[in-house]
Amino acid sequence: MLHSSLIDCPYCGESIELLIDTSEPQQEIIEDCPVCCRPITLRLSCIPGEFLEISAHREDEV
């Protein structure tokens, strides 16, 4: 199941919408910001069908 979430880009500060697959309990993915094109490392915690927590980090913070 996909869940929609808004985060702020850690580089440019723009709010961006993400679609998160909640079928995996722990995830770490890299998404490029659609505004500044820099890679954002996302750490996600989910239970099946429900989104619990997301954190967004710059490449140099990981």
PDB file of N, CA and C in Angstrom:
ATOM      1  N   MET A   1       0.845  -1.175   0.000  1.00  0.00           N
ATOM      2  CA  MET A   1       0.000   0.000   0.000  1.00  0.00           C
ATOM      3  C   MET A   1       0.893   1.243   0.000  1.00  0.00           C
ATOM      4  N   LEU A   2       0.524   2.242  -0.776  1.00  0.00           N
ATOM      5  CA  LEU A   2       1.284   3.487  -0.845  1.00  0.00           C
ATOM      6  C   LEU A   2       0.670   4.539   0.073  1.00  0.00           C
ATOM      7  N   HIS A   3       1.534   5.277   0.731  1.00  0.00           N
ATOM      8  CA  HIS A   3       1.126   6.334   1.654  1.00  0.00           C
ATOM      9  C   HIS A   3       1.791   7.626   1.199  1.00  0.00           C
ATOM     10  N   SER A   4       1.056   8.707   1.149  1.00  0.00           N
ATOM     11  CA  SER A   4       1.596  10.004   0.746  1.00  0.00           C
ATOM     12  C   SER A   4       2.106  10.759   1.974  1.00  0.00           C
ATOM     13  N   SER A   5       3.291  11.365   1.837  1.00  0.00           N
ATOM     14  CA  SER A   5       3.869  12.126   2.945  1.00  0.00           C
ATOM     15  C   SER A   5       4.609  13.338   2.394  1.00  0.00           C
ATOM     16  N   LEU A   6       4.549  14.446   3.126  1.00  0.00           N
ATOM     17  CA  LEU A   6       5.294  15.648   2.756  1.00  0.00           C
ATOM     18  C   LEU A   6       6.533  15.759   3.632  1.00  0.00           C
ATOM     19  N   ILE A   7       7.665  16.069   3.001  1.00  0.00           N
ATOM     20  CA  ILE A   7       8.900  16.333   3.744  1.00  0.00           C
ATOM     21  C   ILE A   7       9.506  17.617   3.198  1.00  0.00           C
ATOM     22  N   ASP A   8      10.397  18.209   3.962  1.00  0.00           N
ATOM     23  CA  ASP A   8      11.158  19.363   3.487  1.00  0.00           C
ATOM     24  C   ASP A   8      12.526  18.876   3.043  1.00  0.00           C
ATOM     25  N   CYS A   9      12.950  19.314   1.863  1.00  0.00           N
ATOM     26  CA  CYS A   9      14.267  18.950   1.359  1.00  0.00           C
ATOM     27  C   CYS A   9      15.325  19.504   2.314  1.00  0.00           C
ATOM     28  N   PRO A  10      16.277  18.673   2.760  1.00  0.00           N
ATOM     29  CA  PRO A  10      17.309  19.162   3.675  1.00  0.00           C
ATOM     30  C   PRO A  10      18.327  20.094   3.006  1.00  0.00           C
ATOM     31  N   TYR A  11      18.271  20.214   1.692  1.00  0.00           N
ATOM     32  CA  TYR A  11      19.172  21.110   0.967  1.00  0.00           C
ATOM     33  C   TYR A  11      18.522  22.465   0.686  1.00  0.00           C
ATOM     34  N   CYS A  12      17.389  22.439  -0.044  1.00  0.00           N
ATOM     35  CA  CYS A  12      16.787  23.702  -0.494  1.00  0.00           C
ATOM     36  C   CYS A  12      15.590  24.134   0.350  1.00  0.00           C
ATOM     37  N   GLY A  13      15.075  23.239   1.216  1.00  0.00           N
ATOM     38  CA  GLY A  13      13.968  23.595   2.095  1.00  0.00           C
ATOM     39  C   GLY A  13      12.586  23.500   1.469  1.00  0.00           C
ATOM     40  N   GLU A  14      12.502  23.160   0.192  1.00  0.00           N
ATOM     41  CA  GLU A  14      11.198  23.037  -0.463  1.00  0.00           C
ATOM     42  C   GLU A  14      10.442  21.825   0.071  1.00  0.00           C
ATOM     43  N   SER A  15       9.137  21.971   0.190  1.00  0.00           N
ATOM     44  CA  SER A  15       8.290  20.868   0.605  1.00  0.00           C
ATOM     45  C   SER A  15       8.030  19.976  -0.607  1.00  0.00           C
ATOM     46  N   ILE A  16       8.278  18.672  -0.451  1.00  0.00           N
ATOM     47  CA  ILE A  16       8.056  17.741  -1.555  1.00  0.00           C
ATOM     48  C   ILE A  16       7.197  16.580  -1.070  1.00  0.00           C
ATOM     49  N   GLU A  17       6.407  16.039  -1.983  1.00  0.00           N
ATOM     50  CA  GLU A  17       5.528  14.920  -1.653  1.00  0.00           C
ATOM     51  C   GLU A  17       6.191  13.614  -2.051  1.00  0.00           C
ATOM     52  N   LEU A  18       6.122  12.634  -1.165  1.00  0.00           N
ATOM     53  CA  LEU A  18       6.661  11.303  -1.425  1.00  0.00           C
ATOM     54  C   LEU A  18       5.539  10.284  -1.344  1.00  0.00           C
ATOM     55  N   LEU A  19       5.627   9.263  -2.168  1.00  0.00           N
ATOM     56  CA  LEU A  19       4.746   8.111  -2.046  1.00  0.00           C
ATOM     57  C   LEU A  19       5.566   6.988  -1.434  1.00  0.00           C
ATOM     58  N   ILE A  20       5.140   6.502  -0.281  1.00  0.00           N
ATOM     59  CA  ILE A  20       5.901   5.531   0.491  1.00  0.00           C
ATOM     60  C   ILE A  20       5.187   4.186   0.470  1.00  0.00           C
ATOM     61  N   ASP A  21       5.934   3.141   0.126  1.00  0.00           N
ATOM     62  CA  ASP A  21       5.420   1.775   0.156  1.00  0.00           C
ATOM     63  C   ASP A  21       5.494   1.278   1.598  1.00  0.00           C
ATOM     64  N   THR A  22       4.348   1.086   2.220  1.00  0.00           N
ATOM     65  CA  THR A  22       4.312   0.710   3.636  1.00  0.00           C
ATOM     66  C   THR A  22       4.367  -0.800   3.857  1.00  0.00           C
ATOM     67  N   SER A  23       4.628  -1.573   2.811  1.00  0.00           N
ATOM     68  CA  SER A  23       4.684  -3.029   2.971  1.00  0.00           C
ATOM     69  C   SER A  23       6.006  -3.499   3.582  1.00  0.00           C
ATOM     70  N   GLU A  24       7.042  -2.661   3.582  1.00  0.00           N
ATOM     71  CA  GLU A  24       8.336  -2.992   4.181  1.00  0.00           C
ATOM     72  C   GLU A  24       8.474  -2.269   5.520  1.00  0.00           C
ATOM     73  N   PRO A  25       8.843  -2.963   6.602  1.00  0.00           N
ATOM     74  CA  PRO A  25       8.883  -2.329   7.924  1.00  0.00           C
ATOM     75  C   PRO A  25       9.982  -1.279   8.090  1.00  0.00           C
ATOM     76  N   GLN A  26      11.188  -1.546   7.640  1.00  0.00           N
ATOM     77  CA  GLN A  26      12.309  -0.606   7.757  1.00  0.00           C
ATOM     78  C   GLN A  26      12.899  -0.410   6.363  1.00  0.00           C
ATOM     79  N   GLN A  27      13.055   0.842   5.962  1.00  0.00           N
ATOM     80  CA  GLN A  27      13.585   1.121   4.634  1.00  0.00           C
ATOM     81  C   GLN A  27      14.571   2.274   4.702  1.00  0.00           C
ATOM     82  N   GLU A  28      15.554   2.229   3.828  1.00  0.00           N
ATOM     83  CA  GLU A  28      16.434   3.368   3.602  1.00  0.00           C
ATOM     84  C   GLU A  28      16.530   3.519   2.096  1.00  0.00           C
ATOM     85  N   ILE A  29      16.052   4.653   1.604  1.00  0.00           N
ATOM     86  CA  ILE A  29      16.047   4.888   0.165  1.00  0.00           C
ATOM     87  C   ILE A  29      16.653   6.252  -0.130  1.00  0.00           C
ATOM     88  N   ILE A  30      17.050   6.439  -1.370  1.00  0.00           N
ATOM     89  CA  ILE A  30      17.583   7.720  -1.818  1.00  0.00           C
ATOM     90  C   ILE A  30      16.672   8.238  -2.921  1.00  0.00           C
ATOM     91  N   GLU A  31      16.165   9.444  -2.729  1.00  0.00           N
ATOM     92  CA  GLU A  31      15.305  10.125  -3.702  1.00  0.00           C
ATOM     93  C   GLU A  31      15.946  11.453  -4.044  1.00  0.00           C
ATOM     94  N   ASP A  32      15.915  11.817  -5.307  1.00  0.00           N
ATOM     95  CA  ASP A  32      16.399  13.132  -5.705  1.00  0.00           C
ATOM     96  C   ASP A  32      15.294  14.160  -5.507  1.00  0.00           C
ATOM     97  N   CYS A  33      15.647  15.316  -4.966  1.00  0.00           N
ATOM     98  CA  CYS A  33      14.691  16.410  -4.811  1.00  0.00           C
ATOM     99  C   CYS A  33      14.268  16.872  -6.203  1.00  0.00           C
ATOM    100  N   PRO A  34      12.967  16.978  -6.465  1.00  0.00           N
ATOM    101  CA  PRO A  34      12.520  17.431  -7.782  1.00  0.00           C
ATOM    102  C   PRO A  34      12.794  18.914  -8.033  1.00  0.00           C
ATOM    103  N   VAL A  35      13.159  19.665  -6.991  1.00  0.00           N
ATOM    104  CA  VAL A  35      13.430  21.098  -7.139  1.00  0.00           C
ATOM    105  C   VAL A  35      14.916  21.352  -7.367  1.00  0.00           C
ATOM    106  N   CYS A  36      15.781  20.861  -6.457  1.00  0.00           N
ATOM    107  CA  CYS A  36      17.219  21.143  -6.568  1.00  0.00           C
ATOM    108  C   CYS A  36      18.029  19.956  -7.100  1.00  0.00           C
ATOM    109  N   CYS A  37      17.377  18.805  -7.273  1.00  0.00           N
ATOM    110  CA  CYS A  37      17.983  17.589  -7.854  1.00  0.00           C
ATOM    111  C   CYS A  37      19.074  16.956  -6.995  1.00  0.00           C
ATOM    112  N   ARG A  38      19.190  17.330  -5.740  1.00  0.00           N
ATOM    113  CA  ARG A  38      20.196  16.715  -4.867  1.00  0.00           C
ATOM    114  C   ARG A  38      19.622  15.453  -4.224  1.00  0.00           C
ATOM    115  N   PRO A  39      20.482  14.475  -3.917  1.00  0.00           N
ATOM    116  CA  PRO A  39      19.994  13.211  -3.347  1.00  0.00           C
ATOM    117  C   PRO A  39      19.659  13.341  -1.857  1.00  0.00           C
ATOM    118  N   ILE A  40      18.475  12.882  -1.498  1.00  0.00           N
ATOM    119  CA  ILE A  40      18.007  12.894  -0.116  1.00  0.00           C
ATOM    120  C   ILE A  40      17.964  11.448   0.372  1.00  0.00           C
ATOM    121  N   THR A  41      18.630  11.171   1.480  1.00  0.00           N
ATOM    122  CA  THR A  41      18.560   9.841   2.088  1.00  0.00           C
ATOM    123  C   THR A  41      17.369   9.821   3.035  1.00  0.00           C
ATOM    124  N   LEU A  42      16.462   8.886   2.804  1.00  0.00           N
ATOM    125  CA  LEU A  42      15.245   8.766   3.603  1.00  0.00           C
ATOM    126  C   LEU A  42      15.297   7.486   4.418  1.00  0.00           C
ATOM    127  N   ARG A  43      15.033   7.595   5.700  1.00  0.00           N
ATOM    128  CA  ARG A  43      14.916   6.428   6.578  1.00  0.00           C
ATOM    129  C   ARG A  43      13.460   6.344   7.014  1.00  0.00           C
ATOM    130  N   LEU A  44      12.850   5.185   6.753  1.00  0.00           N
ATOM    131  CA  LEU A  44      11.420   5.008   6.976  1.00  0.00           C
ATOM    132  C   LEU A  44      11.148   3.869   7.944  1.00  0.00           C
ATOM    133  N   SER A  45      10.143   4.055   8.776  1.00  0.00           N
ATOM    134  CA  SER A  45       9.633   2.989   9.641  1.00  0.00           C
ATOM    135  C   SER A  45       8.148   2.845   9.353  1.00  0.00           C
ATOM    136  N   CYS A  46       7.723   1.621   9.092  1.00  0.00           N
ATOM    137  CA  CYS A  46       6.328   1.355   8.746  1.00  0.00           C
ATOM    138  C   CYS A  46       5.876   0.059   9.404  1.00  0.00           C
ATOM    139  N   ILE A  47       4.565  -0.073   9.534  1.00  0.00           N
ATOM    140  CA  ILE A  47       3.964  -1.370   9.770  1.00  0.00           C
ATOM    141  C   ILE A  47       3.066  -1.586   8.562  1.00  0.00           C
ATOM    142  N   PRO A  48       2.757  -2.821   8.194  1.00  0.00           N
ATOM    143  CA  PRO A  48       1.982  -3.042   6.975  1.00  0.00           C
ATOM    144  C   PRO A  48       0.731  -2.163   6.899  1.00  0.00           C
ATOM    145  N   GLY A  49       0.692  -1.335   5.866  1.00  0.00           N
ATOM    146  CA  GLY A  49      -0.446  -0.459   5.636  1.00  0.00           C
ATOM    147  C   GLY A  49      -0.421   0.849   6.391  1.00  0.00           C
ATOM    148  N   GLU A  50       0.578   1.062   7.248  1.00  0.00           N
ATOM    149  CA  GLU A  50       0.617   2.287   8.047  1.00  0.00           C
ATOM    150  C   GLU A  50       2.032   2.846   8.127  1.00  0.00           C
ATOM    151  N   PHE A  51       2.145   4.137   7.913  1.00  0.00           N
ATOM    152  CA  PHE A  51       3.410   4.854   7.967  1.00  0.00           C
ATOM    153  C   PHE A  51       3.637   5.336   9.394  1.00  0.00           C
ATOM    154  N   LEU A  52       4.838   5.108   9.956  1.00  0.00           N
ATOM    155  CA  LEU A  52       5.118   5.512  11.332  1.00  0.00           C
ATOM    156  C   LEU A  52       6.042   6.713  11.427  1.00  0.00           C
ATOM    157  N   GLU A  53       7.188   6.660  10.737  1.00  0.00           N
ATOM    158  CA  GLU A  53       8.189   7.715  10.900  1.00  0.00           C
ATOM    159  C   GLU A  53       9.032   7.835   9.638  1.00  0.00           C
ATOM    160  N   ILE A  54       9.451   9.068   9.349  1.00  0.00           N
ATOM    161  CA  ILE A  54      10.363   9.311   8.238  1.00  0.00           C
ATOM    162  C   ILE A  54      11.386  10.351   8.675  1.00  0.00           C
ATOM    163  N   SER A  55      12.623  10.153   8.259  1.00  0.00           N
ATOM    164  CA  SER A  55      13.646  11.171   8.486  1.00  0.00           C
ATOM    165  C   SER A  55      14.383  11.387   7.173  1.00  0.00           C
ATOM    166  N   ALA A  56      14.675  12.643   6.870  1.00  0.00           N
ATOM    167  CA  ALA A  56      15.349  13.018   5.627  1.00  0.00           C
ATOM    168  C   ALA A  56      16.702  13.622   5.965  1.00  0.00           C
ATOM    169  N   HIS A  57      17.731  13.152   5.273  1.00  0.00           N
ATOM    170  CA  HIS A  57      19.095  13.582   5.566  1.00  0.00           C
ATOM    171  C   HIS A  57      19.840  13.958   4.293  1.00  0.00           C
ATOM    172  N   ARG A  58      20.766  14.891   4.447  1.00  0.00           N
ATOM    173  CA  ARG A  58      21.682  15.237   3.364  1.00  0.00           C
ATOM    174  C   ARG A  58      22.690  14.104   3.208  1.00  0.00           C
ATOM    175  N   GLU A  59      23.321  14.045   2.056  1.00  0.00           N
ATOM    176  CA  GLU A  59      24.325  13.016   1.801  1.00  0.00           C
ATOM    177  C   GLU A  59      25.477  13.086   2.802  1.00  0.00           C
ATOM    178  N   ASP A  60      25.874  14.296   3.198  1.00  0.00           N
ATOM    179  CA  ASP A  60      27.006  14.450   4.111  1.00  0.00           C
ATOM    180  C   ASP A  60      26.625  14.240   5.582  1.00  0.00           C
ATOM    181  N   GLU A  61      25.345  13.979   5.876  1.00  0.00           N
ATOM    182  CA  GLU A  61      24.883  13.720   7.246  1.00  0.00           C
ATOM    183  C   GLU A  61      24.758  12.231   7.547  1.00  0.00           C
ATOM    184  N   VAL A  62      24.840  11.412   6.542  1.00  0.00           N
ATOM    185  CA  VAL A  62      24.579   9.974   6.709  1.00  0.00           C
ATOM    186  C   VAL A  62      25.748   9.261   7.308  1.00  0.00           C
TER     187      VAL A  62
END
